[in-house]
PDB file of N, CA and C in Angstrom:
ATOM      1  N   UNK A   1      13.996 -35.750   2.131  1.00  0.00           N
ATOM      2  CA  UNK A   1      14.548 -37.044   1.854  1.00  0.00           C
ATOM      3  C   UNK A   1      16.142 -37.683   1.746  1.00  0.00           C
ATOM      4  N   UNK A   2      16.120 -38.580   2.266  1.00  0.00           N
ATOM      5  CA  UNK A   2      17.372 -39.474   2.144  1.00  0.00           C
ATOM      6  C   UNK A   2      17.492 -40.220   0.617  1.00  0.00           C
ATOM      7  N   UNK A   3      19.136 -39.998   0.341  1.00  0.00           N
ATOM      8  CA  UNK A   3      19.083 -40.467  -1.150  1.00  0.00           C
ATOM      9  C   UNK A   3      19.043 -42.173  -1.455  1.00  0.00           C
ATOM     10  N   UNK A   4      18.871 -42.758   0.104  1.00  0.00           N
ATOM     11  CA  UNK A   4      18.615 -44.011  -0.257  1.00  0.00           C
ATOM     12  C   UNK A   4      17.141 -44.485  -0.524  1.00  0.00           C
ATOM     13  N   UNK A   5      16.354 -43.674  -0.282  1.00  0.00           N
ATOM     14  CA  UNK A   5      14.756 -43.753  -0.308  1.00  0.00           C
ATOM     15  C   UNK A   5      14.257 -43.462  -1.689  1.00  0.00           C
ATOM     16  N   UNK A   6      15.254 -42.392  -2.068  1.00  0.00           N
ATOM     17  CA  UNK A   6      14.985 -41.958  -3.534  1.00  0.00           C
ATOM     18  C   UNK A   6      15.210 -43.100  -4.520  1.00  0.00           C
ATOM     19  N   UNK A   7      16.337 -43.636  -4.084  1.00  0.00           N
ATOM     20  CA  UNK A   7      16.875 -45.043  -5.342  1.00  0.00           C
ATOM     21  C   UNK A   7      15.497 -46.077  -4.959  1.00  0.00           C
ATOM     22  N   UNK A   8      14.981 -46.171  -4.029  1.00  0.00           N
ATOM     23  CA  UNK A   8      14.239 -47.013  -3.519  1.00  0.00           C
ATOM     24  C   UNK A   8      12.854 -46.736  -4.878  1.00  0.00           C
ATOM     25  N   UNK A   9      12.739 -45.366  -4.639  1.00  0.00           N
ATOM     26  CA  UNK A   9      11.317 -45.101  -5.238  1.00  0.00           C
ATOM     27  C   UNK A   9      11.538 -45.286  -6.922  1.00  0.00           C
ATOM     28  N   UNK A  10      13.165 -45.275  -6.910  1.00  0.00           N
ATOM     29  CA  UNK A  10      13.155 -45.152  -8.766  1.00  0.00           C
ATOM     30  C   UNK A  10      13.060 -46.747  -8.927  1.00  0.00           C
ATOM     31  N   UNK A  11      13.355 -48.025  -8.325  1.00  0.00           N
ATOM     32  CA  UNK A  11      13.112 -49.063  -8.487  1.00  0.00           C
ATOM     33  C   UNK A  11      11.499 -49.208  -8.706  1.00  0.00           C
ATOM     34  N   UNK A  12      11.076 -48.902  -7.763  1.00  0.00           N
ATOM     35  CA  UNK A  12       9.326 -49.194  -7.668  1.00  0.00           C
ATOM     36  C   UNK A  12       8.951 -48.647  -8.917  1.00  0.00           C
ATOM     37  N   UNK A  13       9.450 -47.665  -9.573  1.00  0.00           N
ATOM     38  CA  UNK A  13       8.744 -46.828 -10.098  1.00  0.00           C
ATOM     39  C   UNK A  13       8.752 -47.862 -11.755  1.00  0.00           C
ATOM     40  N   UNK A  14       9.746 -48.894 -11.519  1.00  0.00           N
ATOM     41  CA  UNK A  14       9.906 -49.613 -12.887  1.00  0.00           C
ATOM     42  C   UNK A  14       9.552 -50.959 -12.501  1.00  0.00           C
ATOM     43  N   UNK A  15       8.795 -51.230 -11.555  1.00  0.00           N
ATOM     44  CA  UNK A  15       8.152 -52.246 -11.189  1.00  0.00           C
ATOM     45  C   UNK A  15       8.872 -53.823 -10.429  1.00  0.00           C
ATOM     46  N   UNK A  16      10.139 -53.350  -9.803  1.00  0.00           N
ATOM     47  CA  UNK A  16      10.929 -54.303  -9.796  1.00  0.00           C
ATOM     48  C   UNK A  16      10.526 -54.456  -8.046  1.00  0.00           C
ATOM     49  N   UNK A  17      10.300 -53.375  -7.448  1.00  0.00           N
ATOM     50  CA  UNK A  17       9.919 -53.590  -5.693  1.00  0.00           C
ATOM     51  C   UNK A  17       8.665 -54.298  -5.586  1.00  0.00           C
ATOM     52  N   UNK A  18       7.934 -54.765  -6.571  1.00  0.00           N
ATOM     53  CA  UNK A  18       6.290 -55.583  -6.237  1.00  0.00           C
ATOM     54  C   UNK A  18       6.772 -56.898  -6.162  1.00  0.00           C
ATOM     55  N   UNK A  19       7.375 -57.093  -6.029  1.00  0.00           N
ATOM     56  CA  UNK A  19       7.920 -58.514  -5.873  1.00  0.00           C
ATOM     57  C   UNK A  19       8.013 -59.545  -7.239  1.00  0.00           C
ATOM     58  N   UNK A  20       7.644 -59.120  -8.494  1.00  0.00           N
ATOM     59  CA  UNK A  20       7.286 -59.999  -9.625  1.00  0.00           C
ATOM     60  C   UNK A  20       8.596 -59.812 -10.376  1.00  0.00           C
ATOM     61  N   UNK A  21       9.349 -61.062 -10.841  1.00  0.00           N
ATOM     62  CA  UNK A  21      10.504 -61.031 -11.429  1.00  0.00           C
ATOM     63  C   UNK A  21      10.588 -60.493 -12.590  1.00  0.00           C
ATOM     64  N   UNK A  22      11.357 -59.510 -13.037  1.00  0.00           N
ATOM     65  CA  UNK A  22      11.313 -58.963 -14.302  1.00  0.00           C
ATOM     66  C   UNK A  22      12.154 -59.644 -15.004  1.00  0.00           C
ATOM     67  N   UNK A  23      13.079 -60.587 -14.935  1.00  0.00           N
ATOM     68  CA  UNK A  23      14.071 -61.357 -15.555  1.00  0.00           C
ATOM     69  C   UNK A  23      13.764 -62.482 -16.107  1.00  0.00           C
ATOM     70  N   UNK A  24      13.775 -62.625 -17.721  1.00  0.00           N
ATOM     71  CA  UNK A  24      13.398 -63.970 -18.390  1.00  0.00           C
ATOM     72  C   UNK A  24      14.945 -64.511 -18.738  1.00  0.00           C
ATOM     73  N   UNK A  25      14.759 -66.001 -18.660  1.00  0.00           N
ATOM     74  CA  UNK A  25      15.823 -66.348 -19.262  1.00  0.00           C
ATOM     75  C   UNK A  25      15.621 -66.415 -21.001  1.00  0.00           C
ATOM     76  N   UNK A  26      16.477 -66.332 -21.615  1.00  0.00           N
ATOM     77  CA  UNK A  26      16.694 -66.029 -22.840  1.00  0.00           C
ATOM     78  C   UNK A  26      16.356 -67.739 -23.587  1.00  0.00           C
ATOM     79  N   UNK A  27      15.816 -67.559 -24.309  1.00  0.00           N
ATOM     80  CA  UNK A  27      15.113 -68.978 -25.169  1.00  0.00           C
ATOM     81  C   UNK A  27      14.008 -69.474 -24.512  1.00  0.00           C
ATOM     82  N   UNK A  28      13.472 -69.058 -23.399  1.00  0.00           N
ATOM     83  CA  UNK A  28      12.657 -69.678 -22.672  1.00  0.00           C
ATOM     84  C   UNK A  28      11.387 -68.744 -22.867  1.00  0.00           C
ATOM     85  N   UNK A  29       9.922 -69.209 -23.064  1.00  0.00           N
ATOM     86  CA  UNK A  29       8.893 -68.593 -23.294  1.00  0.00           C
ATOM     87  C   UNK A  29       8.634 -67.697 -21.986  1.00  0.00           C
ATOM     88  N   UNK A  30       8.150 -66.352 -22.025  1.00  0.00           N
ATOM     89  CA  UNK A  30       7.786 -65.547 -20.737  1.00  0.00           C
ATOM     90  C   UNK A  30       6.553 -66.215 -19.971  1.00  0.00           C
ATOM     91  N   UNK A  31       6.970 -66.333 -19.001  1.00  0.00           N
ATOM     92  CA  UNK A  31       5.916 -66.749 -18.092  1.00  0.00           C
ATOM     93  C   UNK A  31       5.466 -65.792 -16.756  1.00  0.00           C
ATOM     94  N   UNK A  32       3.961 -65.585 -16.597  1.00  0.00           N
ATOM     95  CA  UNK A  32       3.683 -64.513 -15.503  1.00  0.00           C
ATOM     96  C   UNK A  32       3.669 -65.521 -14.373  1.00  0.00           C
ATOM     97  N   UNK A  33       3.815 -64.482 -13.227  1.00  0.00           N
ATOM     98  CA  UNK A  33       3.783 -65.156 -11.844  1.00  0.00           C
ATOM     99  C   UNK A  33       2.720 -66.019 -11.751  1.00  0.00           C
ATOM    100  N   UNK A  34       1.288 -65.989 -12.503  1.00  0.00           N
ATOM    101  CA  UNK A  34       0.182 -67.273 -12.006  1.00  0.00           C
ATOM    102  C   UNK A  34       0.321 -68.546 -12.744  1.00  0.00           C
ATOM    103  N   UNK A  35       1.562 -68.328 -13.409  1.00  0.00           N
ATOM    104  CA  UNK A  35       1.801 -69.616 -14.465  1.00  0.00           C
ATOM    105  C   UNK A  35       2.267 -70.710 -13.768  1.00  0.00           C
ATOM    106  N   UNK A  36       2.004 -72.019 -14.075  1.00  0.00           N
ATOM    107  CA  UNK A  36       2.113 -73.283 -13.363  1.00  0.00           C
ATOM    108  C   UNK A  36       3.553 -73.740 -13.828  1.00  0.00           C
ATOM    109  N   UNK A  37       4.084 -74.077 -13.138  1.00  0.00           N
ATOM    110  CA  UNK A  37       5.797 -74.984 -13.355  1.00  0.00           C
ATOM    111  C   UNK A  37       5.144 -75.622 -14.603  1.00  0.00           C
ATOM    112  N   UNK A  38       6.226 -75.349 -15.438  1.00  0.00           N
ATOM    113  CA  UNK A  38       6.224 -76.443 -17.011  1.00  0.00           C
ATOM    114  C   UNK A  38       6.419 -78.016 -16.743  1.00  0.00           C
ATOM    115  N   UNK A  39       7.176 -78.472 -15.592  1.00  0.00           N
ATOM    116  CA  UNK A  39       7.183 -79.782 -15.320  1.00  0.00           C
ATOM    117  C   UNK A  39       8.081 -80.274 -16.322  1.00  0.00           C
ATOM    118  N   UNK A  40       9.102 -79.472 -16.708  1.00  0.00           N
ATOM    119  CA  UNK A  40      10.509 -80.171 -17.319  1.00  0.00           C
ATOM    120  C   UNK A  40      11.369 -80.274 -16.279  1.00  0.00           C
ATOM    121  N   UNK A  41      11.876 -81.951 -16.383  1.00  0.00           N
ATOM    122  CA  UNK A  41      12.626 -82.678 -16.056  1.00  0.00           C
ATOM    123  C   UNK A  41      14.160 -82.515 -16.334  1.00  0.00           C
ATOM    124  N   UNK A  42      14.981 -82.711 -15.755  1.00  0.00           N
ATOM    125  CA  UNK A  42      16.408 -82.756 -16.404  1.00  0.00           C
ATOM    126  C   UNK A  42      16.437 -83.637 -17.420  1.00  0.00           C
ATOM    127  N   UNK A  43      15.681 -84.742 -17.558  1.00  0.00           N
ATOM    128  CA  UNK A  43      15.867 -85.740 -18.968  1.00  0.00           C
ATOM    129  C   UNK A  43      15.253 -85.287 -19.860  1.00  0.00           C
ATOM    130  N   UNK A  44      13.947 -84.378 -19.583  1.00  0.00           N
ATOM    131  CA  UNK A  44      13.655 -83.717 -20.755  1.00  0.00           C
ATOM    132  C   UNK A  44      14.612 -82.435 -21.172  1.00  0.00           C
ATOM    133  N   UNK A  45      15.137 -81.975 -20.221  1.00  0.00           N
ATOM    134  CA  UNK A  45      15.883 -80.812 -20.856  1.00  0.00           C
ATOM    135  C   UNK A  45      16.776 -81.140 -21.865  1.00  0.00           C
ATOM    136  N   UNK A  46      17.487 -82.232 -21.395  1.00  0.00           N
ATOM    137  CA  UNK A  46      19.043 -82.890 -22.098  1.00  0.00           C
ATOM    138  C   UNK A  46      18.454 -83.505 -23.380  1.00  0.00           C
ATOM    139  N   UNK A  47      17.377 -84.533 -23.081  1.00  0.00           N
ATOM    140  CA  UNK A  47      17.012 -84.962 -24.442  1.00  0.00           C
ATOM    141  C   UNK A  47      16.530 -83.882 -25.720  1.00  0.00           C
ATOM    142  N   UNK A  48      15.949 -82.859 -25.197  1.00  0.00           N
ATOM    143  CA  UNK A  48      15.810 -81.936 -26.377  1.00  0.00           C
ATOM    144  C   UNK A  48      16.789 -81.345 -26.531  1.00  0.00           C
ATOM    145  N   UNK A  49      17.557 -81.112 -25.747  1.00  0.00           N
ATOM    146  CA  UNK A  49      19.194 -80.449 -26.383  1.00  0.00           C
ATOM    147  C   UNK A  49      20.020 -81.217 -27.127  1.00  0.00           C
ATOM    148  N   UNK A  50      19.802 -82.723 -26.814  1.00  0.00           N
ATOM    149  CA  UNK A  50      20.523 -83.582 -27.849  1.00  0.00           C
ATOM    150  C   UNK A  50      19.713 -83.715 -29.054  1.00  0.00           C
ATOM    151  N   UNK A  51      18.284 -83.789 -29.120  1.00  0.00           N
ATOM    152  CA  UNK A  51      17.711 -83.358 -30.499  1.00  0.00           C
ATOM    153  C   UNK A  51      18.150 -82.194 -31.386  1.00  0.00           C
ATOM    154  N   UNK A  52      18.169 -81.264 -30.701  1.00  0.00           N
ATOM    155  CA  UNK A  52      18.453 -80.050 -31.137  1.00  0.00           C
ATOM    156  C   UNK A  52      19.939 -80.174 -31.830  1.00  0.00           C
ATOM    157  N   UNK A  53      20.768 -80.739 -31.169  1.00  0.00           N
ATOM    158  CA  UNK A  53      22.346 -80.872 -31.769  1.00  0.00           C
ATOM    159  C   UNK A  53      22.196 -82.017 -32.928  1.00  0.00           C
ATOM    160  N   UNK A  54      21.068 -83.129 -32.924  1.00  0.00           N
ATOM    161  CA  UNK A  54      21.346 -84.358 -33.899  1.00  0.00           C
ATOM    162  C   UNK A  54      20.517 -83.530 -34.993  1.00  0.00           C
ATOM    163  N   UNK A  55      19.049 -82.388 -34.887  1.00  0.00           N
ATOM    164  CA  UNK A  55      18.994 -81.965 -36.060  1.00  0.00           C
ATOM    165  C   UNK A  55      19.926 -80.780 -36.935  1.00  0.00           C
ATOM    166  N   UNK A  56      20.602 -80.205 -36.043  1.00  0.00           N
ATOM    167  CA  UNK A  56      21.674 -79.340 -36.655  1.00  0.00           C
ATOM    168  C   UNK A  56      22.605 -80.437 -37.371  1.00  0.00           C
ATOM    169  N   UNK A  57      23.073 -81.289 -37.128  1.00  0.00           N
ATOM    170  CA  UNK A  57      24.092 -82.310 -37.695  1.00  0.00           C
ATOM    171  C   UNK A  57      23.098 -82.896 -38.797  1.00  0.00           C
ATOM    172  N   UNK A  58      21.843 -83.580 -39.013  1.00  0.00           N
ATOM    173  CA  UNK A  58      21.320 -83.749 -39.700  1.00  0.00           C
ATOM    174  C   UNK A  58      21.154 -82.901 -41.116  1.00  0.00           C
ATOM    175  N   UNK A  59      20.810 -81.358 -40.490  1.00  0.00           N
ATOM    176  CA  UNK A  59      20.450 -80.411 -41.701  1.00  0.00           C
ATOM    177  C   UNK A  59      21.798 -80.128 -42.510  1.00  0.00           C
ATOM    178  N   UNK A  60      22.978 -79.769 -41.467  1.00  0.00           N
ATOM    179  CA  UNK A  60      24.165 -79.903 -42.031  1.00  0.00           C
ATOM    180  C   UNK A  60      24.554 -81.100 -43.110  1.00  0.00           C
ATOM    181  N   UNK A  61      24.149 -82.299 -42.865  1.00  0.00           N
ATOM    182  CA  UNK A  61      24.309 -83.430 -43.715  1.00  0.00           C
ATOM    183  C   UNK A  61      23.863 -83.072 -45.048  1.00  0.00           C
ATOM    184  N   UNK A  62      22.541 -83.047 -44.891  1.00  0.00           N
ATOM    185  CA  UNK A  62      21.384 -82.955 -45.982  1.00  0.00           C
ATOM    186  C   UNK A  62      22.243 -81.420 -46.796  1.00  0.00           C
ATOM    187  N   UNK A  63      22.406 -80.481 -46.376  1.00  0.00           N
ATOM    188  CA  UNK A  63      22.935 -79.410 -47.080  1.00  0.00           C
ATOM    189  C   UNK A  63      24.407 -79.954 -47.861  1.00  0.00           C
ATOM    190  N   UNK A  64      25.073 -80.565 -47.083  1.00  0.00           N
ATOM    191  CA  UNK A  64      26.709 -81.446 -48.178  1.00  0.00           C
ATOM    192  C   UNK A  64      26.104 -82.019 -49.371  1.00  0.00           C
ATOM    193  N   UNK A  65      25.060 -83.138 -48.814  1.00  0.00           N
ATOM    194  CA  UNK A  65      24.515 -84.182 -50.182  1.00  0.00           C
ATOM    195  C   UNK A  65      23.998 -83.020 -51.109  1.00  0.00           C
ATOM    196  N   UNK A  66      23.178 -82.049 -50.787  1.00  0.00           N
ATOM    197  CA  UNK A  66      22.558 -81.559 -52.064  1.00  0.00           C
ATOM    198  C   UNK A  66      23.738 -80.419 -53.008  1.00  0.00           C
ATOM    199  N   UNK A  67      24.680 -79.984 -51.619  1.00  0.00           N
ATOM    200  CA  UNK A  67      25.983 -79.413 -52.915  1.00  0.00           C
ATOM    201  C   UNK A  67      26.658 -80.049 -53.300  1.00  0.00           C
ATOM    202  N   UNK A  68      27.083 -81.381 -52.947  1.00  0.00           N
ATOM    203  CA  UNK A  68      27.520 -82.349 -53.875  1.00  0.00           C
ATOM    204  C   UNK A  68      26.752 -82.654 -55.107  1.00  0.00           C
ATOM    205  N   UNK A  69      25.500 -82.890 -54.976  1.00  0.00           N
ATOM    206  CA  UNK A  69      24.970 -83.162 -56.264  1.00  0.00           C
ATOM    207  C   UNK A  69      24.985 -82.357 -57.081  1.00  0.00           C
ATOM    208  N   UNK A  70      24.200 -80.625 -56.758  1.00  0.00           N
ATOM    209  CA  UNK A  70      23.999 -79.886 -57.259  1.00  0.00           C
ATOM    210  C   UNK A  70      24.376 -78.630 -57.411  1.00  0.00           C
ATOM    211  N   UNK A  71      24.742 -77.398 -57.806  1.00  0.00           N
ATOM    212  CA  UNK A  71      25.049 -76.307 -57.020  1.00  0.00           C
ATOM    213  C   UNK A  71      23.606 -75.616 -56.614  1.00  0.00           C
ATOM    214  N   UNK A  72      22.803 -76.271 -56.440  1.00  0.00           N
ATOM    215  CA  UNK A  72      21.274 -75.202 -55.816  1.00  0.00           C
ATOM    216  C   UNK A  72      21.303 -74.519 -54.788  1.00  0.00           C
ATOM    217  N   UNK A  73      22.223 -75.082 -53.644  1.00  0.00           N
ATOM    218  CA  UNK A  73      22.759 -74.497 -52.326  1.00  0.00           C
ATOM    219  C   UNK A  73      23.800 -74.005 -52.577  1.00  0.00           C
ATOM    220  N   UNK A  74      23.664 -72.643 -52.119  1.00  0.00           N
ATOM    221  CA  UNK A  74      24.876 -71.960 -51.645  1.00  0.00           C
ATOM    222  C   UNK A  74      26.060 -72.265 -51.009  1.00  0.00           C
ATOM    223  N   UNK A  75      27.187 -72.120 -51.612  1.00  0.00           N
ATOM    224  CA  UNK A  75      28.235 -72.642 -50.588  1.00  0.00           C
ATOM    225  C   UNK A  75      28.408 -71.912 -49.244  1.00  0.00           C
ATOM    226  N   UNK A  76      28.063 -70.840 -49.072  1.00  0.00           N
ATOM    227  CA  UNK A  76      27.722 -69.874 -47.497  1.00  0.00           C
ATOM    228  C   UNK A  76      27.020 -70.688 -46.948  1.00  0.00           C
ATOM    229  N   UNK A  77      25.888 -71.193 -47.141  1.00  0.00           N
ATOM    230  CA  UNK A  77      24.418 -71.731 -46.668  1.00  0.00           C
ATOM    231  C   UNK A  77      25.276 -73.483 -45.720  1.00  0.00           C
ATOM    232  N   UNK A  78      25.997 -74.036 -46.821  1.00  0.00           N
ATOM    233  CA  UNK A  78      26.508 -75.081 -46.407  1.00  0.00           C
ATOM    234  C   UNK A  78      27.565 -74.655 -45.294  1.00  0.00           C
ATOM    235  N   UNK A  79      28.432 -73.629 -45.402  1.00  0.00           N
ATOM    236  CA  UNK A  79      29.599 -73.470 -44.401  1.00  0.00           C
ATOM    237  C   UNK A  79      28.811 -72.956 -42.894  1.00  0.00           C
ATOM    238  N   UNK A  80      27.967 -72.284 -43.041  1.00  0.00           N
ATOM    239  CA  UNK A  80      26.984 -71.652 -41.874  1.00  0.00           C
ATOM    240  C   UNK A  80      26.568 -73.189 -41.384  1.00  0.00           C
ATOM    241  N   UNK A  81      25.632 -73.634 -41.873  1.00  0.00           N
ATOM    242  CA  UNK A  81      25.315 -75.088 -41.390  1.00  0.00           C
ATOM    243  C   UNK A  81      26.359 -76.071 -40.666  1.00  0.00           C
ATOM    244  N   UNK A  82      27.310 -76.324 -41.376  1.00  0.00           N
ATOM    245  CA  UNK A  82      28.519 -77.235 -40.563  1.00  0.00           C
ATOM    246  C   UNK A  82      29.092 -76.396 -39.629  1.00  0.00           C
ATOM    247  N   UNK A  83      29.278 -75.494 -39.744  1.00  0.00           N
ATOM    248  CA  UNK A  83      29.720 -74.730 -38.298  1.00  0.00           C
ATOM    249  C   UNK A  83      28.712 -74.524 -37.213  1.00  0.00           C
ATOM    250  N   UNK A  84      27.382 -74.337 -37.288  1.00  0.00           N
ATOM    251  CA  UNK A  84      26.528 -74.355 -36.576  1.00  0.00           C
ATOM    252  C   UNK A  84      26.500 -76.100 -35.958  1.00  0.00           C
ATOM    253  N   UNK A  85      26.453 -76.958 -36.568  1.00  0.00           N
ATOM    254  CA  UNK A  85      26.416 -78.472 -36.230  1.00  0.00           C
ATOM    255  C   UNK A  85      28.157 -78.558 -35.510  1.00  0.00           C
ATOM    256  N   UNK A  86      28.920 -78.045 -36.089  1.00  0.00           N
ATOM    257  CA  UNK A  86      30.014 -78.171 -35.217  1.00  0.00           C
ATOM    258  C   UNK A  86      30.043 -77.501 -33.729  1.00  0.00           C
ATOM    259  N   UNK A  87      29.703 -76.219 -33.462  1.00  0.00           N
ATOM    260  CA  UNK A  87      29.364 -75.687 -32.364  1.00  0.00           C
ATOM    261  C   UNK A  87      28.678 -76.297 -31.336  1.00  0.00           C
ATOM    262  N   UNK A  88      27.833 -76.647 -32.029  1.00  0.00           N
ATOM    263  CA  UNK A  88      26.623 -77.504 -31.031  1.00  0.00           C
ATOM    264  C   UNK A  88      27.247 -78.740 -30.609  1.00  0.00           C
ATOM    265  N   UNK A  89      27.790 -79.835 -31.543  1.00  0.00           N
ATOM    266  CA  UNK A  89      28.467 -81.001 -31.099  1.00  0.00           C
ATOM    267  C   UNK A  89      29.221 -80.146 -29.881  1.00  0.00           C
ATOM    268  N   UNK A  90      30.262 -79.454 -29.722  1.00  0.00           N
ATOM    269  CA  UNK A  90      31.264 -79.088 -29.178  1.00  0.00           C
ATOM    270  C   UNK A  90      30.520 -78.630 -27.834  1.00  0.00           C
ATOM    271  N   UNK A  91      29.617 -78.181 -27.835  1.00  0.00           N
ATOM    272  CA  UNK A  91      28.663 -77.689 -26.614  1.00  0.00           C
ATOM    273  C   UNK A  91      28.638 -78.865 -25.815  1.00  0.00           C
ATOM    274  N   UNK A  92      27.937 -79.749 -26.724  1.00  0.00           N
ATOM    275  CA  UNK A  92      27.400 -81.054 -26.029  1.00  0.00           C
ATOM    276  C   UNK A  92      28.155 -81.872 -25.600  1.00  0.00           C
ATOM    277  N   UNK A  93      29.498 -81.548 -25.764  1.00  0.00           N
ATOM    278  CA  UNK A  93      30.849 -82.346 -25.481  1.00  0.00           C
ATOM    279  C   UNK A  93      31.163 -81.637 -24.174  1.00  0.00           C
ATOM    280  N   UNK A  94      31.262 -80.434 -24.026  1.00  0.00           N
ATOM    281  CA  UNK A  94      31.145 -79.796 -22.826  1.00  0.00           C
ATOM    282  C   UNK A  94      30.579 -80.032 -21.442  1.00  0.00           C
ATOM    283  N   UNK A  95      29.110 -80.020 -22.337  1.00  0.00           N
ATOM    284  CA  UNK A  95      27.779 -80.190 -21.102  1.00  0.00           C
ATOM    285  C   UNK A  95      28.133 -81.886 -20.441  1.00  0.00           C
ATOM    286  N   UNK A  96      28.679 -82.498 -21.196  1.00  0.00           N
ATOM    287  CA  UNK A  96      28.953 -84.457 -21.078  1.00  0.00           C
ATOM    288  C   UNK A  96      29.935 -83.939 -20.277  1.00  0.00           C
ATOM    289  N   UNK A  97      31.189 -83.467 -20.273  1.00  0.00           N
ATOM    290  CA  UNK A  97      32.454 -83.210 -19.563  1.00  0.00           C
ATOM    291  C   UNK A  97      32.145 -82.930 -18.239  1.00  0.00           C
ATOM    292  N   UNK A  98      31.343 -81.670 -18.089  1.00  0.00           N
ATOM    293  CA  UNK A  98      31.093 -80.967 -17.010  1.00  0.00           C
ATOM    294  C   UNK A  98      29.981 -82.476 -16.046  1.00  0.00           C
ATOM    295  N   UNK A  99      29.199 -82.866 -16.982  1.00  0.00           N
ATOM    296  CA  UNK A  99      28.353 -83.744 -15.910  1.00  0.00           C
ATOM    297  C   UNK A  99      29.132 -85.038 -15.414  1.00  0.00           C
ATOM    298  N   UNK A 100      30.122 -85.424 -16.466  1.00  0.00           N
ATOM    299  CA  UNK A 100      30.709 -86.363 -15.374  1.00  0.00           C
ATOM    300  C   UNK A 100      31.937 -86.139 -14.672  1.00  0.00           C
ATOM    301  N   UNK A 101      32.303 -84.485 -14.668  1.00  0.00           N
ATOM    302  CA  UNK A 101      32.927 -84.352 -13.544  1.00  0.00           C
ATOM    303  C   UNK A 101      32.112 -84.141 -12.347  1.00  0.00           C
ATOM    304  N   UNK A 102      30.935 -83.780 -12.475  1.00  0.00           N
ATOM    305  CA  UNK A 102      30.104 -83.534 -11.330  1.00  0.00           C
ATOM    306  C   UNK A 102      29.814 -84.702 -10.634  1.00  0.00           C
ATOM    307  N   UNK A 103      29.285 -85.723 -11.398  1.00  0.00           N
ATOM    308  CA  UNK A 103      28.890 -87.164 -11.182  1.00  0.00           C
ATOM    309  C   UNK A 103      30.566 -87.412 -10.175  1.00  0.00           C
ATOM    310  N   UNK A 104      31.665 -87.560 -11.000  1.00  0.00           N
ATOM    311  CA  UNK A 104      33.033 -88.217  -9.843  1.00  0.00           C
ATOM    312  C   UNK A 104      33.199 -87.304  -8.684  1.00  0.00           C
ATOM    313  N   UNK A 105      32.549 -85.782  -8.426  1.00  0.00           N
ATOM    314  CA  UNK A 105      33.229 -84.934  -7.742  1.00  0.00           C
ATOM    315  C   UNK A 105      31.754 -85.553  -6.594  1.00  0.00           C
ATOM    316  N   UNK A 106      30.527 -86.061  -7.024  1.00  0.00           N
ATOM    317  CA  UNK A 106      29.560 -86.308  -6.070  1.00  0.00           C
ATOM    318  C   UNK A 106      30.077 -87.692  -5.497  1.00  0.00           C
ATOM    319  N   UNK A 107      30.742 -88.875  -6.261  1.00  0.00           N
ATOM    320  CA  UNK A 107      30.937 -89.952  -5.992  1.00  0.00           C
ATOM    321  C   UNK A 107      32.267 -90.164  -4.792  1.00  0.00           C
ATOM    322  N   UNK A 108      33.275 -89.233  -4.966  1.00  0.00           N
ATOM    323  CA  UNK A 108      34.222 -88.962  -4.149  1.00  0.00           C
ATOM    324  C   UNK A 108      33.981 -88.079  -2.785  1.00  0.00           C
ATOM    325  N   UNK A 109      32.625 -87.656  -2.681  1.00  0.00           N
ATOM    326  CA  UNK A 109      32.570 -86.850  -1.722  1.00  0.00           C
ATOM    327  C   UNK A 109      32.422 -87.759  -0.393  1.00  0.00           C
ATOM    328  N   UNK A 110      33.253 -87.202   0.767  1.00  0.00           N
ATOM    329  CA  UNK A 110      33.016 -88.041   2.095  1.00  0.00           C
ATOM    330  C   UNK A 110      31.578 -87.741   2.781  1.00  0.00           C
ATOM    331  N   UNK A 111      30.816 -88.420   2.972  1.00  0.00           N
ATOM    332  CA  UNK A 111      30.004 -88.346   4.217  1.00  0.00           C
ATOM    333  C   UNK A 111      29.965 -88.215   5.425  1.00  0.00           C
TER     334      UNK A 111
END
């Protein structure tokens, strides 16, 4: 038996050679091969991301207000919420910048 064939048997033993993808994207629900496409459009994905960023900013704002009024909220919880909101906004700005750059490249493309 050749070594290459032995390697294929090892792959088929874990199910990768059967044609079903074994990798799933992080954060997305696992879908089987018979599952219908979700129908998520670019607009819905972008809107969901912006809603998530808005939620993190609103949560951080609410925690800051609660912390300012009384000490029932621990300071580390406020700090973590502020940092999450800051990182989410920075990520959204990076995505916006990349989208604008891509749009400009497409507009300058010669046909």
